[in-house]
Amino acid sequence: MSANDFERRVRAVEWYRYEHDCCSAFIPDVIIGLISGDDVRRQESCDRLEDCLLPQGVLVEASYHAIPFLVELIREGMAPGCVYELLVLMTIAAQSDAYDEGIRVNGNLRSLTESSRGRIADGLGSYCRDLQNRNLSKDRRLAALSIVCRLRERRDEWLPLIRRVYDAEQDPEMRREMLYWLSDVEQEGKGTA
């Protein structure tokens, strides 16, 4: 992924269409700033990311359009930690339809939370890769674990991986978190059996 191509694609989105969303005019600069070589600009983008894409903890239409760019940064190994943190919060927000304003996708009105969740799930392979990578920070690995385990509809894909990673994991905190999620999934399975 070239930075110039990434910037061109981010700027090609008609962000002005989401003026009712908080900070929509700033979203392209915030997303592009995440890969800036300038540490100050990158930190400023991280600081504004949640306010722009998850105002008051609620998914907005601009969130849906920004998620593929955030997932791409993770897939390419270019995402700062704040992207993982935001995707954890977005995944949590996408578990509830309480504030679902709906979204038009290919001319059809759909659930914003369900559609956003699908876009977050598109990065499942990358989150699983990062969870297994012991060279990444513990915070990043824990965020990847949190995203993966909240994608319950894809449990059949990630559950065997979590078990394998758990069996090989040396870090006690990582093992404890994985055990928590594994127990939670098993309890959920007992409740539906």
C-alpha atoms as a PDB file:
ATOM      1  CA  MET A   1       0.000   0.000   0.000  1.00  0.00           C
ATOM      2  CA  SER A   2       1.462   3.335  -0.970  1.00  0.00           C
ATOM      3  CA  ALA A   3       0.702   6.343   1.210  1.00  0.00           C
ATOM      4  CA  ASN A   4      -0.221   8.384  -1.882  1.00  0.00           C
ATOM      5  CA  ASP A   5      -2.703   5.776  -3.106  1.00  0.00           C
ATOM      6  CA  PHE A   6      -4.182   5.463   0.379  1.00  0.00           C
ATOM      7  CA  GLU A   7      -4.608   9.238   0.626  1.00  0.00           C
ATOM      8  CA  ARG A   8      -6.199   9.399  -2.840  1.00  0.00           C
ATOM      9  CA  ARG A   9      -8.742   6.718  -1.917  1.00  0.00           C
ATOM     10  CA  VAL A  10      -9.575   8.318   1.448  1.00  0.00           C
ATOM     11  CA  ARG A  11     -10.093  11.711  -0.204  1.00  0.00           C
ATOM     12  CA  ALA A  12     -12.260  10.129  -2.940  1.00  0.00           C
ATOM     13  CA  VAL A  13     -14.999   9.402  -0.389  1.00  0.00           C
ATOM     14  CA  GLU A  14     -17.636  12.114  -0.386  1.00  0.00           C
ATOM     15  CA  TRP A  15     -17.286  12.852   3.322  1.00  0.00           C
ATOM     16  CA  TYR A  16     -19.270  16.090   2.936  1.00  0.00           C
ATOM     17  CA  ARG A  17     -22.383  13.921   2.529  1.00  0.00           C
ATOM     18  CA  TYR A  18     -22.127  13.111   6.230  1.00  0.00           C
ATOM     19  CA  GLU A  19     -22.147  16.718   7.449  1.00  0.00           C
ATOM     20  CA  HIS A  20     -24.682  15.815  10.108  1.00  0.00           C
ATOM     21  CA  ASP A  21     -22.026  13.549  11.599  1.00  0.00           C
ATOM     22  CA  CYS A  22     -19.646  15.126  14.076  1.00  0.00           C
ATOM     23  CA  CYS A  23     -16.372  16.284  12.447  1.00  0.00           C
ATOM     24  CA  SER A  24     -17.082  14.744   9.033  1.00  0.00           C
ATOM     25  CA  ALA A  25     -15.074  17.481   7.316  1.00  0.00           C
ATOM     26  CA  PHE A  26     -11.983  16.454   9.294  1.00  0.00           C
ATOM     27  CA  ILE A  27     -12.252  12.697   8.771  1.00  0.00           C
ATOM     28  CA  PRO A  28      -9.987  12.416   5.702  1.00  0.00           C
ATOM     29  CA  ASP A  29      -7.201  14.392   7.389  1.00  0.00           C
ATOM     30  CA  VAL A  30      -7.583  12.363  10.576  1.00  0.00           C
ATOM     31  CA  ILE A  31      -7.424   9.010   8.751  1.00  0.00           C
ATOM     32  CA  ILE A  32      -4.504  10.084   6.554  1.00  0.00           C
ATOM     33  CA  GLY A  33      -2.712  11.509   9.583  1.00  0.00           C
ATOM     34  CA  LEU A  34      -2.656   8.034  11.142  1.00  0.00           C
ATOM     35  CA  ILE A  35       0.148   7.041   8.760  1.00  0.00           C
ATOM     36  CA  SER A  36       2.031  10.327   8.895  1.00  0.00           C
ATOM     37  CA  GLY A  37       5.765  10.223   9.429  1.00  0.00           C
ATOM     38  CA  ASP A  38       5.291  13.239  11.699  1.00  0.00           C
ATOM     39  CA  ASP A  39       4.797  11.952  15.251  1.00  0.00           C
ATOM     40  CA  VAL A  40       2.858  15.065  16.308  1.00  0.00           C
ATOM     41  CA  ARG A  41       0.416  14.795  13.384  1.00  0.00           C
ATOM     42  CA  ARG A  42      -0.050  11.056  13.982  1.00  0.00           C
ATOM     43  CA  GLN A  43      -0.794  11.668  17.674  1.00  0.00           C
ATOM     44  CA  GLU A  44      -3.243  14.478  16.827  1.00  0.00           C
ATOM     45  CA  SER A  45      -5.033  12.110  14.448  1.00  0.00           C
ATOM     46  CA  CYS A  46      -5.209   9.460  17.163  1.00  0.00           C
ATOM     47  CA  ASP A  47      -6.576  12.048  19.597  1.00  0.00           C
ATOM     48  CA  ARG A  48      -9.377  13.051  17.173  1.00  0.00           C
ATOM     49  CA  LEU A  49     -10.193   9.607  15.786  1.00  0.00           C
ATOM     50  CA  GLU A  50     -12.847   8.560  18.300  1.00  0.00           C
ATOM     51  CA  ASP A  51     -14.579  11.957  18.322  1.00  0.00           C
ATOM     52  CA  CYS A  52     -14.837  11.893  14.535  1.00  0.00           C
ATOM     53  CA  LEU A  53     -15.850   8.275  13.991  1.00  0.00           C
ATOM     54  CA  LEU A  54     -17.650   7.279  17.177  1.00  0.00           C
ATOM     55  CA  PRO A  55     -19.145  10.476  18.598  1.00  0.00           C
ATOM     56  CA  GLN A  56     -20.644   9.872  22.032  1.00  0.00           C
ATOM     57  CA  GLY A  57     -19.991   6.148  21.575  1.00  0.00           C
ATOM     58  CA  VAL A  58     -22.451   5.838  18.688  1.00  0.00           C
ATOM     59  CA  LEU A  59     -21.780   4.564  15.187  1.00  0.00           C
ATOM     60  CA  VAL A  60     -22.607   7.132  12.512  1.00  0.00           C
ATOM     61  CA  GLU A  61     -22.743   6.846   8.746  1.00  0.00           C
ATOM     62  CA  ALA A  62     -19.206   8.210   8.399  1.00  0.00           C
ATOM     63  CA  SER A  63     -18.023   5.364  10.680  1.00  0.00           C
ATOM     64  CA  TYR A  64     -19.276   2.803   8.177  1.00  0.00           C
ATOM     65  CA  HIS A  65     -17.335   4.444   5.353  1.00  0.00           C
ATOM     66  CA  ALA A  66     -14.158   4.825   7.424  1.00  0.00           C
ATOM     67  CA  ILE A  67     -13.950   1.252   8.736  1.00  0.00           C
ATOM     68  CA  PRO A  68     -12.440  -0.273   5.561  1.00  0.00           C
ATOM     69  CA  PHE A  69      -9.568   2.220   5.734  1.00  0.00           C
ATOM     70  CA  LEU A  70      -8.911   1.373   9.388  1.00  0.00           C
ATOM     71  CA  VAL A  71      -9.013  -2.358   8.631  1.00  0.00           C
ATOM     72  CA  GLU A  72      -6.619  -1.790   5.720  1.00  0.00           C
ATOM     73  CA  LEU A  73      -4.141  -0.055   8.025  1.00  0.00           C
ATOM     74  CA  ILE A  74      -4.270  -3.054  10.363  1.00  0.00           C
ATOM     75  CA  ARG A  75      -3.960  -5.510   7.472  1.00  0.00           C
ATOM     76  CA  GLU A  76      -0.896  -3.650   6.192  1.00  0.00           C
ATOM     77  CA  GLY A  77       0.675  -3.455   9.670  1.00  0.00           C
ATOM     78  CA  MET A  78       0.569   0.357   9.566  1.00  0.00           C
ATOM     79  CA  ALA A  79      -2.061   1.037  12.208  1.00  0.00           C
ATOM     80  CA  PRO A  80      -1.122   2.868  15.387  1.00  0.00           C
ATOM     81  CA  GLY A  81      -2.581   1.442  18.596  1.00  0.00           C
ATOM     82  CA  CYS A  82      -5.436   3.945  18.590  1.00  0.00           C
ATOM     83  CA  VAL A  83      -6.936   2.230  15.516  1.00  0.00           C
ATOM     84  CA  TYR A  84      -7.189  -1.039  17.424  1.00  0.00           C
ATOM     85  CA  GLU A  85      -8.689   0.761  20.410  1.00  0.00           C
ATOM     86  CA  LEU A  86     -11.292   2.453  18.216  1.00  0.00           C
ATOM     87  CA  LEU A  87     -12.220  -0.797  16.471  1.00  0.00           C
ATOM     88  CA  VAL A  88     -12.756  -2.428  19.872  1.00  0.00           C
ATOM     89  CA  LEU A  89     -15.157   0.408  20.775  1.00  0.00           C
ATOM     90  CA  MET A  90     -16.839   0.237  17.355  1.00  0.00           C
ATOM     91  CA  THR A  91     -17.303  -3.517  17.740  1.00  0.00           C
ATOM     92  CA  ILE A  92     -18.929  -2.939  21.128  1.00  0.00           C
ATOM     93  CA  ALA A  93     -21.168  -0.209  19.660  1.00  0.00           C
ATOM     94  CA  ALA A  94     -22.084  -2.533  16.791  1.00  0.00           C
ATOM     95  CA  GLN A  95     -23.448  -5.099  19.255  1.00  0.00           C
ATOM     96  CA  SER A  96     -26.428  -2.878  19.952  1.00  0.00           C
ATOM     97  CA  ASP A  97     -29.088  -1.495  17.665  1.00  0.00           C
ATOM     98  CA  ALA A  98     -30.165   1.053  20.284  1.00  0.00           C
ATOM     99  CA  TYR A  99     -28.981   4.037  18.230  1.00  0.00           C
ATOM    100  CA  ASP A 100     -29.113   2.487  14.772  1.00  0.00           C
ATOM    101  CA  GLU A 101     -30.027   5.238  12.321  1.00  0.00           C
ATOM    102  CA  GLY A 102     -29.845   2.879   9.335  1.00  0.00           C
ATOM    103  CA  ILE A 103     -27.758   3.301   6.196  1.00  0.00           C
ATOM    104  CA  ARG A 104     -28.321   3.044   2.466  1.00  0.00           C
ATOM    105  CA  VAL A 105     -26.051   0.389   0.975  1.00  0.00           C
ATOM    106  CA  ASN A 106     -26.384  -0.117  -2.775  1.00  0.00           C
ATOM    107  CA  GLY A 107     -29.727   1.656  -2.648  1.00  0.00           C
ATOM    108  CA  ASN A 108     -31.151  -0.546   0.124  1.00  0.00           C
ATOM    109  CA  LEU A 109     -31.836   0.620   3.670  1.00  0.00           C
ATOM    110  CA  ARG A 110     -29.923  -1.590   6.078  1.00  0.00           C
ATOM    111  CA  SER A 111     -28.953  -1.650   9.721  1.00  0.00           C
ATOM    112  CA  LEU A 112     -25.976   0.649  10.305  1.00  0.00           C
ATOM    113  CA  THR A 113     -24.703  -1.439  13.207  1.00  0.00           C
ATOM    114  CA  GLU A 114     -25.022  -4.729  11.313  1.00  0.00           C
ATOM    115  CA  SER A 115     -23.381  -3.264   8.198  1.00  0.00           C
ATOM    116  CA  SER A 116     -20.549  -1.737  10.230  1.00  0.00           C
ATOM    117  CA  ARG A 117     -20.046  -5.008  12.064  1.00  0.00           C
ATOM    118  CA  GLY A 118     -19.694  -6.785   8.724  1.00  0.00           C
ATOM    119  CA  ARG A 119     -17.006  -4.332   7.678  1.00  0.00           C
ATOM    120  CA  ILE A 120     -15.149  -4.811  10.962  1.00  0.00           C
ATOM    121  CA  ALA A 121     -15.394  -8.597  10.492  1.00  0.00           C
ATOM    122  CA  ASP A 122     -13.674  -8.230   7.105  1.00  0.00           C
ATOM    123  CA  GLY A 123     -10.447  -7.778   9.067  1.00  0.00           C
ATOM    124  CA  LEU A 124     -10.791 -11.017  11.040  1.00  0.00           C
ATOM    125  CA  GLY A 125      -7.734 -12.618   9.431  1.00  0.00           C
ATOM    126  CA  SER A 126      -5.584  -9.602  10.307  1.00  0.00           C
ATOM    127  CA  TYR A 127      -6.799  -9.476  13.917  1.00  0.00           C
ATOM    128  CA  CYS A 128      -6.077 -13.210  14.266  1.00  0.00           C
ATOM    129  CA  ARG A 129      -2.600 -12.709  12.770  1.00  0.00           C
ATOM    130  CA  ASP A 130      -1.868  -9.909  15.234  1.00  0.00           C
ATOM    131  CA  LEU A 131      -3.177 -11.899  18.180  1.00  0.00           C
ATOM    132  CA  GLN A 132      -0.614 -14.615  17.420  1.00  0.00           C
ATOM    133  CA  ASN A 133       2.278 -12.188  16.900  1.00  0.00           C
ATOM    134  CA  ARG A 134       4.240 -12.148  20.147  1.00  0.00           C
ATOM    135  CA  ASN A 135       6.427  -9.330  18.756  1.00  0.00           C
ATOM    136  CA  LEU A 136       3.507  -6.896  19.011  1.00  0.00           C
ATOM    137  CA  SER A 137       2.744  -5.055  22.220  1.00  0.00           C
ATOM    138  CA  LYS A 138       0.507  -6.792  24.713  1.00  0.00           C
ATOM    139  CA  ASP A 139      -2.034  -3.948  24.393  1.00  0.00           C
ATOM    140  CA  ARG A 140      -2.292  -4.482  20.653  1.00  0.00           C
ATOM    141  CA  ARG A 141      -2.634  -8.240  21.044  1.00  0.00           C
ATOM    142  CA  LEU A 142      -5.302  -7.793  23.725  1.00  0.00           C
ATOM    143  CA  ALA A 143      -7.206  -5.387  21.476  1.00  0.00           C
ATOM    144  CA  ALA A 144      -7.041  -7.911  18.628  1.00  0.00           C
ATOM    145  CA  LEU A 145      -8.346 -10.596  21.006  1.00  0.00           C
ATOM    146  CA  SER A 146     -11.191  -8.330  22.114  1.00  0.00           C
ATOM    147  CA  ILE A 147     -12.254  -7.595  18.532  1.00  0.00           C
ATOM    148  CA  VAL A 148     -12.030 -11.242  17.441  1.00  0.00           C
ATOM    149  CA  CYS A 149     -14.006 -12.594  20.381  1.00  0.00           C
ATOM    150  CA  ARG A 150     -16.798 -10.042  19.934  1.00  0.00           C
ATOM    151  CA  LEU A 151     -17.405 -11.321  16.405  1.00  0.00           C
ATOM    152  CA  ARG A 152     -19.554 -14.170  17.716  1.00  0.00           C
ATOM    153  CA  GLU A 153     -21.144 -14.800  14.336  1.00  0.00           C
ATOM    154  CA  ARG A 154     -17.677 -15.920  13.111  1.00  0.00           C
ATOM    155  CA  ARG A 155     -16.929 -18.041  16.200  1.00  0.00           C
ATOM    156  CA  ASP A 156     -16.402 -21.217  14.165  1.00  0.00           C
ATOM    157  CA  GLU A 157     -13.482 -19.507  12.428  1.00  0.00           C
ATOM    158  CA  TRP A 158     -11.683 -18.046  15.430  1.00  0.00           C
ATOM    159  CA  LEU A 159     -12.435 -20.381  18.320  1.00  0.00           C
ATOM    160  CA  PRO A 160      -9.973 -23.137  17.289  1.00  0.00           C
ATOM    161  CA  LEU A 161      -7.286 -20.483  16.767  1.00  0.00           C
ATOM    162  CA  ILE A 162      -7.855 -18.940  20.208  1.00  0.00           C
ATOM    163  CA  ARG A 163      -7.532 -22.388  21.774  1.00  0.00           C
ATOM    164  CA  ARG A 164      -4.232 -23.039  19.935  1.00  0.00           C
ATOM    165  CA  VAL A 165      -2.839 -19.624  20.822  1.00  0.00           C
ATOM    166  CA  TYR A 166      -3.924 -20.123  24.446  1.00  0.00           C
ATOM    167  CA  ASP A 167      -2.145 -23.486  24.632  1.00  0.00           C
ATOM    168  CA  ALA A 168       1.119 -21.969  23.337  1.00  0.00           C
ATOM    169  CA  GLU A 169       0.924 -18.617  25.155  1.00  0.00           C
ATOM    170  CA  GLN A 170       3.566 -17.888  27.791  1.00  0.00           C
ATOM    171  CA  ASP A 171       2.344 -14.506  29.031  1.00  0.00           C
ATOM    172  CA  PRO A 172       0.094 -14.978  32.111  1.00  0.00           C
ATOM    173  CA  GLU A 173      -2.042 -11.889  31.391  1.00  0.00           C
ATOM    174  CA  MET A 174      -2.665 -12.966  27.789  1.00  0.00           C
ATOM    175  CA  ARG A 175      -3.567 -16.468  28.981  1.00  0.00           C
ATOM    176  CA  ARG A 176      -5.950 -15.033  31.588  1.00  0.00           C
ATOM    177  CA  GLU A 177      -7.714 -12.861  28.986  1.00  0.00           C
ATOM    178  CA  MET A 178      -7.976 -15.730  26.508  1.00  0.00           C
ATOM    179  CA  LEU A 179      -9.348 -17.992  29.215  1.00  0.00           C
ATOM    180  CA  TYR A 180     -11.938 -15.338  30.087  1.00  0.00           C
ATOM    181  CA  TRP A 181     -13.125 -15.181  26.469  1.00  0.00           C
ATOM    182  CA  LEU A 182     -13.044 -18.965  26.027  1.00  0.00           C
ATOM    183  CA  SER A 183     -15.105 -19.414  29.204  1.00  0.00           C
ATOM    184  CA  ASP A 184     -17.530 -16.735  28.057  1.00  0.00           C
ATOM    185  CA  VAL A 185     -18.042 -18.489  24.713  1.00  0.00           C
ATOM    186  CA  GLU A 186     -18.508 -21.862  26.409  1.00  0.00           C
ATOM    187  CA  GLN A 187     -21.090 -20.364  28.812  1.00  0.00           C
ATOM    188  CA  GLU A 188     -22.886 -18.797  25.872  1.00  0.00           C
ATOM    189  CA  GLY A 189     -22.899 -22.170  24.111  1.00  0.00           C
ATOM    190  CA  LYS A 190     -24.419 -23.863  27.155  1.00  0.00           C
ATOM    191  CA  GLY A 191     -27.149 -21.238  27.279  1.00  0.00           C
ATOM    192  CA  THR A 192     -28.185 -21.917  23.685  1.00  0.00           C
ATOM    193  CA  ALA A 193     -27.793 -25.701  23.740  1.00  0.00           C
END
